[in-house]
Amino acid sequence: MKAIVIAAGEGSRMGNLTQNIPKSLVMVNGKSIIERQLSILKQNGILDIIIITGPHHEKFNFEKIRYIHDKNFLEHDQLGSLISAKKEINDDLIILFGDIIFENVVLAKILESKSDISIAVDMNWARTYTSKPDGSFDKADKVRFEQENVSRIFKTMTEADKKFEIGEFIGLIKLSKNGSKQLVECYEKIQNVHKGKFHDAISLEKAKLVDILQELIENKIRIDAIPITGEWCEIDTEEDLEIAKKKFVG
């Protein structure tokens, strides 16, 4: 098994903290976000790790790590960055955002999944947003599922959604070799023909990972939701960073 860390974002909402370094190198109590990720991946026996880089790519200097520089990071979003490493999406694989930190138990839980495509979801997601000043539930990538089987990934909840279990996608995916093949084939099927809006994205070029996951669902590809235990945090703003510092002391 290998891992791909998508760390090509600009981190523009982090202010001066990301003026000269990638967001994933921002420090959380003495360790960078990505150092924490690499440590947990290695603790779980995942040693073949690829980091997809964007701005300030020269700042990464971890040993025994492979790098793919997404030179076109300004032209697309998460999905485009992942596709820059398409040749590596060919085996059992963990895909994770470069701006999340989490406890070991979170990764260990999704690694137990035997499904071709599994996504980690937080069932206590609502508390995260009620504790923030803006309290906007619409910012969460919500996952609707029944007995693990995901039927919809969305931001704006409908009355119909409330009849199902709802979790938040945390930016952590596990693919089997077959799941990797399904994701690549799904993308290649649409890459040269799709025009206009793509699920929640304004275009395929600006699509996030949740958009290709929704495309898989609509193509009758099963995705399983794996409810996690343990702490995790996405660090997208300076406020998020302060929350992470309280959660992850060590």
C-alpha atoms as a PDB file:
ATOM      1  CA  MET A   1       0.000   0.000   0.000  1.00  0.00           C
ATOM      2  CA  LYS A   2       1.080   3.559  -0.702  1.00  0.00           C
ATOM      3  CA  ALA A   3      -0.205   7.008   0.168  1.00  0.00           C
ATOM      4  CA  ILE A   4      -0.729  10.199  -1.803  1.00  0.00           C
ATOM      5  CA  VAL A   5      -0.847  13.470   0.143  1.00  0.00           C
ATOM      6  CA  ILE A   6      -2.453  16.342  -1.770  1.00  0.00           C
ATOM      7  CA  ALA A   7      -0.473  19.372  -0.597  1.00  0.00           C
ATOM      8  CA  ALA A   8      -0.748  21.655  -3.628  1.00  0.00           C
ATOM      9  CA  GLY A   9      -3.131  24.282  -2.242  1.00  0.00           C
ATOM     10  CA  GLU A  10      -2.164  27.912  -1.814  1.00  0.00           C
ATOM     11  CA  GLY A  11      -3.348  28.221   1.788  1.00  0.00           C
ATOM     12  CA  SER A  12      -4.531  31.760   1.093  1.00  0.00           C
ATOM     13  CA  ARG A  13      -6.856  31.833   4.116  1.00  0.00           C
ATOM     14  CA  MET A  14      -3.922  31.301   6.492  1.00  0.00           C
ATOM     15  CA  GLY A  15      -2.673  34.864   6.106  1.00  0.00           C
ATOM     16  CA  ASN A  16       1.022  35.522   6.623  1.00  0.00           C
ATOM     17  CA  LEU A  17       1.619  31.967   7.866  1.00  0.00           C
ATOM     18  CA  THR A  18       1.649  30.666   4.293  1.00  0.00           C
ATOM     19  CA  GLN A  19       3.329  33.622   2.641  1.00  0.00           C
ATOM     20  CA  ASN A  20       6.593  31.706   2.209  1.00  0.00           C
ATOM     21  CA  ILE A  21       5.741  28.060   2.961  1.00  0.00           C
ATOM     22  CA  PRO A  22       3.081  25.530   1.911  1.00  0.00           C
ATOM     23  CA  LYS A  23       0.141  25.194   4.287  1.00  0.00           C
ATOM     24  CA  SER A  24       1.076  21.608   5.138  1.00  0.00           C
ATOM     25  CA  LEU A  25       4.366  22.865   6.612  1.00  0.00           C
ATOM     26  CA  VAL A  26       2.601  25.143   9.111  1.00  0.00           C
ATOM     27  CA  MET A  27       3.600  24.151  12.650  1.00  0.00           C
ATOM     28  CA  VAL A  28       1.193  22.740  15.217  1.00  0.00           C
ATOM     29  CA  ASN A  29       2.891  22.656  18.620  1.00  0.00           C
ATOM     30  CA  GLY A  30       6.376  22.018  17.277  1.00  0.00           C
ATOM     31  CA  LYS A  31       5.483  19.648  14.408  1.00  0.00           C
ATOM     32  CA  SER A  32       4.244  20.556  10.952  1.00  0.00           C
ATOM     33  CA  ILE A  33       0.897  19.259   9.719  1.00  0.00           C
ATOM     34  CA  ILE A  34       2.558  16.967   7.211  1.00  0.00           C
ATOM     35  CA  GLU A  35       5.154  15.674   9.688  1.00  0.00           C
ATOM     36  CA  ARG A  36       2.261  14.479  11.829  1.00  0.00           C
ATOM     37  CA  GLN A  37       0.705  12.779   8.799  1.00  0.00           C
ATOM     38  CA  LEU A  38       3.945  11.086   7.750  1.00  0.00           C
ATOM     39  CA  SER A  39       4.514   9.786  11.272  1.00  0.00           C
ATOM     40  CA  ILE A  40       1.068   8.154  11.443  1.00  0.00           C
ATOM     41  CA  LEU A  41       1.337   6.702   7.933  1.00  0.00           C
ATOM     42  CA  LYS A  42       4.676   5.114   8.799  1.00  0.00           C
ATOM     43  CA  GLN A  43       3.350   3.803  12.138  1.00  0.00           C
ATOM     44  CA  ASN A  44       0.738   1.937  10.107  1.00  0.00           C
ATOM     45  CA  GLY A  45       3.305   0.399   7.779  1.00  0.00           C
ATOM     46  CA  ILE A  46       2.785   2.774   4.842  1.00  0.00           C
ATOM     47  CA  LEU A  47       6.267   3.715   3.681  1.00  0.00           C
ATOM     48  CA  ASP A  48       5.723   4.480  -0.017  1.00  0.00           C
ATOM     49  CA  ILE A  49       4.485   8.059   0.274  1.00  0.00           C
ATOM     50  CA  ILE A  50       4.011  10.599  -2.506  1.00  0.00           C
ATOM     51  CA  ILE A  51       3.438  14.291  -1.797  1.00  0.00           C
ATOM     52  CA  ILE A  52       1.780  16.349  -4.521  1.00  0.00           C
ATOM     53  CA  THR A  53       3.222  19.837  -4.159  1.00  0.00           C
ATOM     54  CA  GLY A  54       2.184  23.245  -5.454  1.00  0.00           C
ATOM     55  CA  PRO A  55       3.474  26.662  -4.333  1.00  0.00           C
ATOM     56  CA  HIS A  56       6.796  26.738  -2.462  1.00  0.00           C
ATOM     57  CA  HIS A  57       7.434  23.129  -3.497  1.00  0.00           C
ATOM     58  CA  GLU A  58      11.149  23.603  -2.882  1.00  0.00           C
ATOM     59  CA  LYS A  59      10.470  23.839   0.875  1.00  0.00           C
ATOM     60  CA  PHE A  60       9.739  20.106   1.108  1.00  0.00           C
ATOM     61  CA  ASN A  61      12.851  18.128   1.979  1.00  0.00           C
ATOM     62  CA  PHE A  62      11.721  14.950   3.724  1.00  0.00           C
ATOM     63  CA  GLU A  63      13.919  11.934   3.052  1.00  0.00           C
ATOM     64  CA  LYS A  64      12.572   8.725   1.470  1.00  0.00           C
ATOM     65  CA  ILE A  65       9.482  10.568   0.214  1.00  0.00           C
ATOM     66  CA  ARG A  66       8.546  10.914  -3.456  1.00  0.00           C
ATOM     67  CA  TYR A  67       7.334  14.234  -4.819  1.00  0.00           C
ATOM     68  CA  ILE A  68       5.179  15.203  -7.783  1.00  0.00           C
ATOM     69  CA  HIS A  69       5.061  18.920  -8.460  1.00  0.00           C
ATOM     70  CA  ASP A  70       1.695  20.096  -9.730  1.00  0.00           C
ATOM     71  CA  LYS A  71       2.863  22.956 -11.914  1.00  0.00           C
ATOM     72  CA  ASN A  72      -0.710  23.822 -12.863  1.00  0.00           C
ATOM     73  CA  PHE A  73      -2.035  24.166  -9.298  1.00  0.00           C
ATOM     74  CA  LEU A  74      -3.458  27.621 -10.051  1.00  0.00           C
ATOM     75  CA  GLU A  75      -5.609  26.252 -12.875  1.00  0.00           C
ATOM     76  CA  HIS A  76      -7.477  23.543 -10.979  1.00  0.00           C
ATOM     77  CA  ASP A  77      -8.459  22.288  -7.522  1.00  0.00           C
ATOM     78  CA  GLN A  78      -8.015  19.058  -5.527  1.00  0.00           C
ATOM     79  CA  LEU A  79      -9.071  16.661  -8.277  1.00  0.00           C
ATOM     80  CA  GLY A  80      -6.716  18.199 -10.821  1.00  0.00           C
ATOM     81  CA  SER A  81      -3.847  17.965  -8.353  1.00  0.00           C
ATOM     82  CA  LEU A  82      -4.615  14.310  -7.682  1.00  0.00           C
ATOM     83  CA  ILE A  83      -4.770  13.573 -11.408  1.00  0.00           C
ATOM     84  CA  SER A  84      -1.274  15.023 -11.801  1.00  0.00           C
ATOM     85  CA  ALA A  85      -0.250  11.805 -10.022  1.00  0.00           C
ATOM     86  CA  LYS A  86      -2.593   9.580 -12.074  1.00  0.00           C
ATOM     87  CA  LYS A  87       0.142   7.080 -12.892  1.00  0.00           C
ATOM     88  CA  GLU A  88       0.430   6.361  -9.147  1.00  0.00           C
ATOM     89  CA  ILE A  89      -3.301   5.578  -8.750  1.00  0.00           C
ATOM     90  CA  ASN A  90      -2.825   1.935  -9.618  1.00  0.00           C
ATOM     91  CA  ASP A  91      -2.731  -0.065  -6.395  1.00  0.00           C
ATOM     92  CA  ASP A  92      -3.989  -0.193  -2.810  1.00  0.00           C
ATOM     93  CA  LEU A  93      -3.873   3.449  -1.856  1.00  0.00           C
ATOM     94  CA  ILE A  94      -4.550   6.017   0.852  1.00  0.00           C
ATOM     95  CA  ILE A  95      -5.378   9.535  -0.390  1.00  0.00           C
ATOM     96  CA  LEU A  96      -5.417  12.392   2.092  1.00  0.00           C
ATOM     97  CA  PHE A  97      -5.600  16.149   2.138  1.00  0.00           C
ATOM     98  CA  GLY A  98      -2.386  17.868   3.152  1.00  0.00           C
ATOM     99  CA  ASP A  99      -4.121  20.126   5.682  1.00  0.00           C
ATOM    100  CA  ILE A 100      -5.671  17.585   8.068  1.00  0.00           C
ATOM    101  CA  ILE A 101      -4.244  16.132  11.243  1.00  0.00           C
ATOM    102  CA  PHE A 102      -5.700  13.171  13.042  1.00  0.00           C
ATOM    103  CA  GLU A 103      -5.009  10.562  15.656  1.00  0.00           C
ATOM    104  CA  ASN A 104      -3.552   7.170  14.766  1.00  0.00           C
ATOM    105  CA  VAL A 105      -6.897   5.477  15.447  1.00  0.00           C
ATOM    106  CA  VAL A 106      -8.499   7.422  12.577  1.00  0.00           C
ATOM    107  CA  LEU A 107      -6.176   5.955   9.946  1.00  0.00           C
ATOM    108  CA  ALA A 108      -6.219   2.531  11.601  1.00  0.00           C
ATOM    109  CA  LYS A 109     -10.022   2.454  11.318  1.00  0.00           C
ATOM    110  CA  ILE A 110     -10.182   3.081   7.577  1.00  0.00           C
ATOM    111  CA  LEU A 111      -7.342   0.637   6.942  1.00  0.00           C
ATOM    112  CA  GLU A 112      -9.601  -2.111   8.318  1.00  0.00           C
ATOM    113  CA  SER A 113     -12.083  -1.597   5.477  1.00  0.00           C
ATOM    114  CA  LYS A 114     -12.266  -4.351   2.858  1.00  0.00           C
ATOM    115  CA  SER A 115     -14.260  -2.235   0.394  1.00  0.00           C
ATOM    116  CA  ASP A 116     -12.877  -1.054  -2.935  1.00  0.00           C
ATOM    117  CA  ILE A 117     -13.573   2.586  -2.077  1.00  0.00           C
ATOM    118  CA  SER A 118     -13.905   3.788   1.519  1.00  0.00           C
ATOM    119  CA  ILE A 119     -14.097   7.311   2.908  1.00  0.00           C
ATOM    120  CA  ALA A 120     -13.608   8.366   6.520  1.00  0.00           C
ATOM    121  CA  VAL A 121     -16.552  10.274   7.996  1.00  0.00           C
ATOM    122  CA  ASP A 122     -17.024  12.109  11.272  1.00  0.00           C
ATOM    123  CA  MET A 123     -20.441  11.484  12.830  1.00  0.00           C
ATOM    124  CA  ASN A 124     -19.971  14.328  15.318  1.00  0.00           C
ATOM    125  CA  TRP A 125     -19.382  16.871  12.587  1.00  0.00           C
ATOM    126  CA  ALA A 126     -22.105  19.307  13.666  1.00  0.00           C
ATOM    127  CA  ARG A 127     -20.297  20.243  16.868  1.00  0.00           C
ATOM    128  CA  THR A 128     -17.325  21.484  14.826  1.00  0.00           C
ATOM    129  CA  TYR A 129     -19.427  24.086  13.085  1.00  0.00           C
ATOM    130  CA  THR A 130     -21.587  25.160  16.011  1.00  0.00           C
ATOM    131  CA  SER A 131     -18.384  26.007  17.899  1.00  0.00           C
ATOM    132  CA  LYS A 132     -17.226  28.393  15.161  1.00  0.00           C
ATOM    133  CA  PRO A 133     -18.361  32.025  15.018  1.00  0.00           C
ATOM    134  CA  ASP A 134     -20.000  31.686  11.581  1.00  0.00           C
ATOM    135  CA  GLY A 135     -21.597  28.339  12.476  1.00  0.00           C
ATOM    136  CA  SER A 136     -22.142  27.507   8.821  1.00  0.00           C
ATOM    137  CA  PHE A 137     -23.170  23.868   8.325  1.00  0.00           C
ATOM    138  CA  ASP A 138     -23.066  24.407   4.560  1.00  0.00           C
ATOM    139  CA  LYS A 139     -19.263  24.434   4.645  1.00  0.00           C
ATOM    140  CA  ALA A 140     -19.110  20.751   5.575  1.00  0.00           C
ATOM    141  CA  ASP A 141     -18.810  18.057   2.898  1.00  0.00           C
ATOM    142  CA  LYS A 142     -21.695  15.934   4.142  1.00  0.00           C
ATOM    143  CA  VAL A 143     -22.031  12.225   3.428  1.00  0.00           C
ATOM    144  CA  ARG A 144     -25.418  10.502   3.372  1.00  0.00           C
ATOM    145  CA  PHE A 145     -25.306   6.751   3.855  1.00  0.00           C
ATOM    146  CA  GLU A 146     -27.216   3.698   4.995  1.00  0.00           C
ATOM    147  CA  GLN A 147     -25.452   0.616   6.365  1.00  0.00           C
ATOM    148  CA  GLU A 148     -22.134   2.113   5.166  1.00  0.00           C
ATOM    149  CA  ASN A 149     -23.324   2.484   1.542  1.00  0.00           C
ATOM    150  CA  VAL A 150     -22.949   6.137   0.497  1.00  0.00           C
ATOM    151  CA  SER A 151     -25.819   7.515  -1.590  1.00  0.00           C
ATOM    152  CA  ARG A 152     -24.946  11.219  -1.755  1.00  0.00           C
ATOM    153  CA  ILE A 153     -22.183  13.702  -0.939  1.00  0.00           C
ATOM    154  CA  PHE A 154     -23.312  17.310  -0.662  1.00  0.00           C
ATOM    155  CA  LYS A 155     -23.110  20.635   1.144  1.00  0.00           C
ATOM    156  CA  THR A 156     -26.736  21.792   1.333  1.00  0.00           C
ATOM    157  CA  MET A 157     -28.983  19.395   3.241  1.00  0.00           C
ATOM    158  CA  THR A 158     -32.540  18.613   2.114  1.00  0.00           C
ATOM    159  CA  GLU A 159     -35.436  17.191   4.125  1.00  0.00           C
ATOM    160  CA  ALA A 160     -34.897  13.856   2.362  1.00  0.00           C
ATOM    161  CA  ASP A 161     -31.287  13.741   3.585  1.00  0.00           C
ATOM    162  CA  LYS A 162     -32.399  13.960   7.215  1.00  0.00           C
ATOM    163  CA  LYS A 163     -33.882  10.460   7.010  1.00  0.00           C
ATOM    164  CA  PHE A 164     -30.390   8.979   6.613  1.00  0.00           C
ATOM    165  CA  GLU A 165     -27.192   8.851   8.632  1.00  0.00           C
ATOM    166  CA  ILE A 166     -25.119  11.953   7.919  1.00  0.00           C
ATOM    167  CA  GLY A 167     -21.402  12.336   8.518  1.00  0.00           C
ATOM    168  CA  GLU A 168     -18.699  14.724   7.314  1.00  0.00           C
ATOM    169  CA  PHE A 169     -16.038  13.606   4.850  1.00  0.00           C
ATOM    170  CA  ILE A 170     -12.727  14.397   6.530  1.00  0.00           C
ATOM    171  CA  GLY A 171     -10.418  14.225   3.513  1.00  0.00           C
ATOM    172  CA  LEU A 172      -9.223  10.635   3.900  1.00  0.00           C
ATOM    173  CA  ILE A 173      -9.878   7.925   1.287  1.00  0.00           C
ATOM    174  CA  LYS A 174      -8.834   4.281   0.999  1.00  0.00           C
ATOM    175  CA  LEU A 175      -8.811   2.565  -2.394  1.00  0.00           C
ATOM    176  CA  SER A 176      -8.172  -1.055  -3.251  1.00  0.00           C
ATOM    177  CA  LYS A 177      -6.357  -1.792  -6.505  1.00  0.00           C
ATOM    178  CA  ASN A 178      -9.762  -2.175  -8.145  1.00  0.00           C
ATOM    179  CA  GLY A 179     -11.001   1.033  -6.492  1.00  0.00           C
ATOM    180  CA  SER A 180      -8.014   2.902  -7.941  1.00  0.00           C
ATOM    181  CA  LYS A 181      -8.904   1.538 -11.377  1.00  0.00           C
ATOM    182  CA  GLN A 182     -12.531   2.617 -10.958  1.00  0.00           C
ATOM    183  CA  LEU A 183     -11.571   6.173  -9.993  1.00  0.00           C
ATOM    184  CA  VAL A 184      -9.134   6.612 -12.893  1.00  0.00           C
ATOM    185  CA  GLU A 185     -11.564   5.123 -15.417  1.00  0.00           C
ATOM    186  CA  CYS A 186     -14.361   7.369 -14.166  1.00  0.00           C
ATOM    187  CA  TYR A 187     -12.192  10.459 -14.632  1.00  0.00           C
ATOM    188  CA  GLU A 188     -10.864   9.428 -18.042  1.00  0.00           C
ATOM    189  CA  LYS A 189     -14.408   8.819 -19.268  1.00  0.00           C
ATOM    190  CA  ILE A 190     -15.334  12.476 -18.733  1.00  0.00           C
ATOM    191  CA  GLN A 191     -12.085  14.447 -18.909  1.00  0.00           C
ATOM    192  CA  ASN A 192     -12.351  15.447 -22.571  1.00  0.00           C
ATOM    193  CA  VAL A 193     -16.119  15.578 -22.952  1.00  0.00           C
ATOM    194  CA  HIS A 194     -17.576  17.154 -19.827  1.00  0.00           C
ATOM    195  CA  LYS A 195     -18.630  20.783 -20.129  1.00  0.00           C
ATOM    196  CA  GLY A 196     -19.979  23.208 -17.550  1.00  0.00           C
ATOM    197  CA  LYS A 197     -20.794  22.609 -13.895  1.00  0.00           C
ATOM    198  CA  PHE A 198     -19.541  19.372 -12.324  1.00  0.00           C
ATOM    199  CA  HIS A 199     -21.609  18.497  -9.255  1.00  0.00           C
ATOM    200  CA  ASP A 200     -20.812  21.192  -6.646  1.00  0.00           C
ATOM    201  CA  ALA A 201     -17.892  22.598  -8.691  1.00  0.00           C
ATOM    202  CA  ILE A 202     -18.213  25.301 -11.349  1.00  0.00           C
ATOM    203  CA  SER A 203     -16.301  23.057 -13.770  1.00  0.00           C
ATOM    204  CA  LEU A 204     -14.387  19.799 -13.965  1.00  0.00           C
ATOM    205  CA  GLU A 205     -11.153  21.803 -13.784  1.00  0.00           C
ATOM    206  CA  LYS A 206     -12.216  23.301 -10.438  1.00  0.00           C
ATOM    207  CA  ALA A 207     -13.557  20.036  -9.008  1.00  0.00           C
ATOM    208  CA  LYS A 208     -12.729  18.769  -5.548  1.00  0.00           C
ATOM    209  CA  LEU A 209     -12.404  15.137  -4.537  1.00  0.00           C
ATOM    210  CA  VAL A 210     -16.003  15.031  -3.329  1.00  0.00           C
ATOM    211  CA  ASP A 211     -17.139  15.827  -6.872  1.00  0.00           C
ATOM    212  CA  ILE A 212     -15.459  12.786  -8.416  1.00  0.00           C
ATOM    213  CA  LEU A 213     -16.754  10.679  -5.515  1.00  0.00           C
ATOM    214  CA  GLN A 214     -20.291  11.828  -6.326  1.00  0.00           C
ATOM    215  CA  GLU A 215     -19.666  11.002  -9.987  1.00  0.00           C
ATOM    216  CA  LEU A 216     -18.656   7.481  -8.972  1.00  0.00           C
ATOM    217  CA  ILE A 217     -21.852   7.132  -6.936  1.00  0.00           C
ATOM    218  CA  GLU A 218     -23.970   8.233  -9.892  1.00  0.00           C
ATOM    219  CA  ASN A 219     -22.178   5.638 -12.021  1.00  0.00           C
ATOM    220  CA  LYS A 220     -23.332   2.930  -9.588  1.00  0.00           C
ATOM    221  CA  ILE A 221     -19.880   2.461  -8.041  1.00  0.00           C
ATOM    222  CA  ARG A 222     -20.201   1.582  -4.370  1.00  0.00           C
ATOM    223  CA  ILE A 223     -18.496   3.802  -1.817  1.00  0.00           C
ATOM    224  CA  ASP A 224     -18.510   2.868   1.852  1.00  0.00           C
ATOM    225  CA  ALA A 225     -18.586   5.378   4.693  1.00  0.00           C
ATOM    226  CA  ILE A 226     -16.308   4.479   7.592  1.00  0.00           C
ATOM    227  CA  PRO A 227     -17.328   6.332  10.776  1.00  0.00           C
ATOM    228  CA  ILE A 228     -14.204   7.264  12.690  1.00  0.00           C
ATOM    229  CA  THR A 229     -13.385   7.535  16.341  1.00  0.00           C
ATOM    230  CA  GLY A 230     -10.670   9.829  17.628  1.00  0.00           C
ATOM    231  CA  GLU A 231      -9.810  13.453  17.064  1.00  0.00           C
ATOM    232  CA  TRP A 232      -9.119  15.103  13.733  1.00  0.00           C
ATOM    233  CA  CYS A 233      -8.925  18.661  12.469  1.00  0.00           C
ATOM    234  CA  GLU A 234      -8.817  20.419   9.121  1.00  0.00           C
ATOM    235  CA  ILE A 235      -6.580  23.468   9.185  1.00  0.00           C
ATOM    236  CA  ASP A 236      -7.892  25.952   6.669  1.00  0.00           C
ATOM    237  CA  THR A 237      -7.733  29.208   8.647  1.00  0.00           C
ATOM    238  CA  GLU A 238      -5.758  30.722  11.510  1.00  0.00           C
ATOM    239  CA  GLU A 239      -8.754  29.991  13.725  1.00  0.00           C
ATOM    240  CA  ASP A 240      -8.582  26.307  12.750  1.00  0.00           C
ATOM    241  CA  LEU A 241      -4.905  26.326  13.669  1.00  0.00           C
ATOM    242  CA  GLU A 242      -5.656  27.549  17.184  1.00  0.00           C
ATOM    243  CA  ILE A 243      -8.261  24.797  17.594  1.00  0.00           C
ATOM    244  CA  ALA A 244      -5.730  22.205  16.384  1.00  0.00           C
ATOM    245  CA  LYS A 245      -3.141  23.416  18.879  1.00  0.00           C
ATOM    246  CA  LYS A 246      -5.596  22.721  21.699  1.00  0.00           C
ATOM    247  CA  LYS A 247      -6.511  19.269  20.378  1.00  0.00           C
ATOM    248  CA  PHE A 248      -3.032  18.045  19.454  1.00  0.00           C
ATOM    249  CA  VAL A 249      -0.650  18.984  22.213  1.00  0.00           C
ATOM    250  CA  GLY A 250       2.018  16.311  21.681  1.00  0.00           C
END
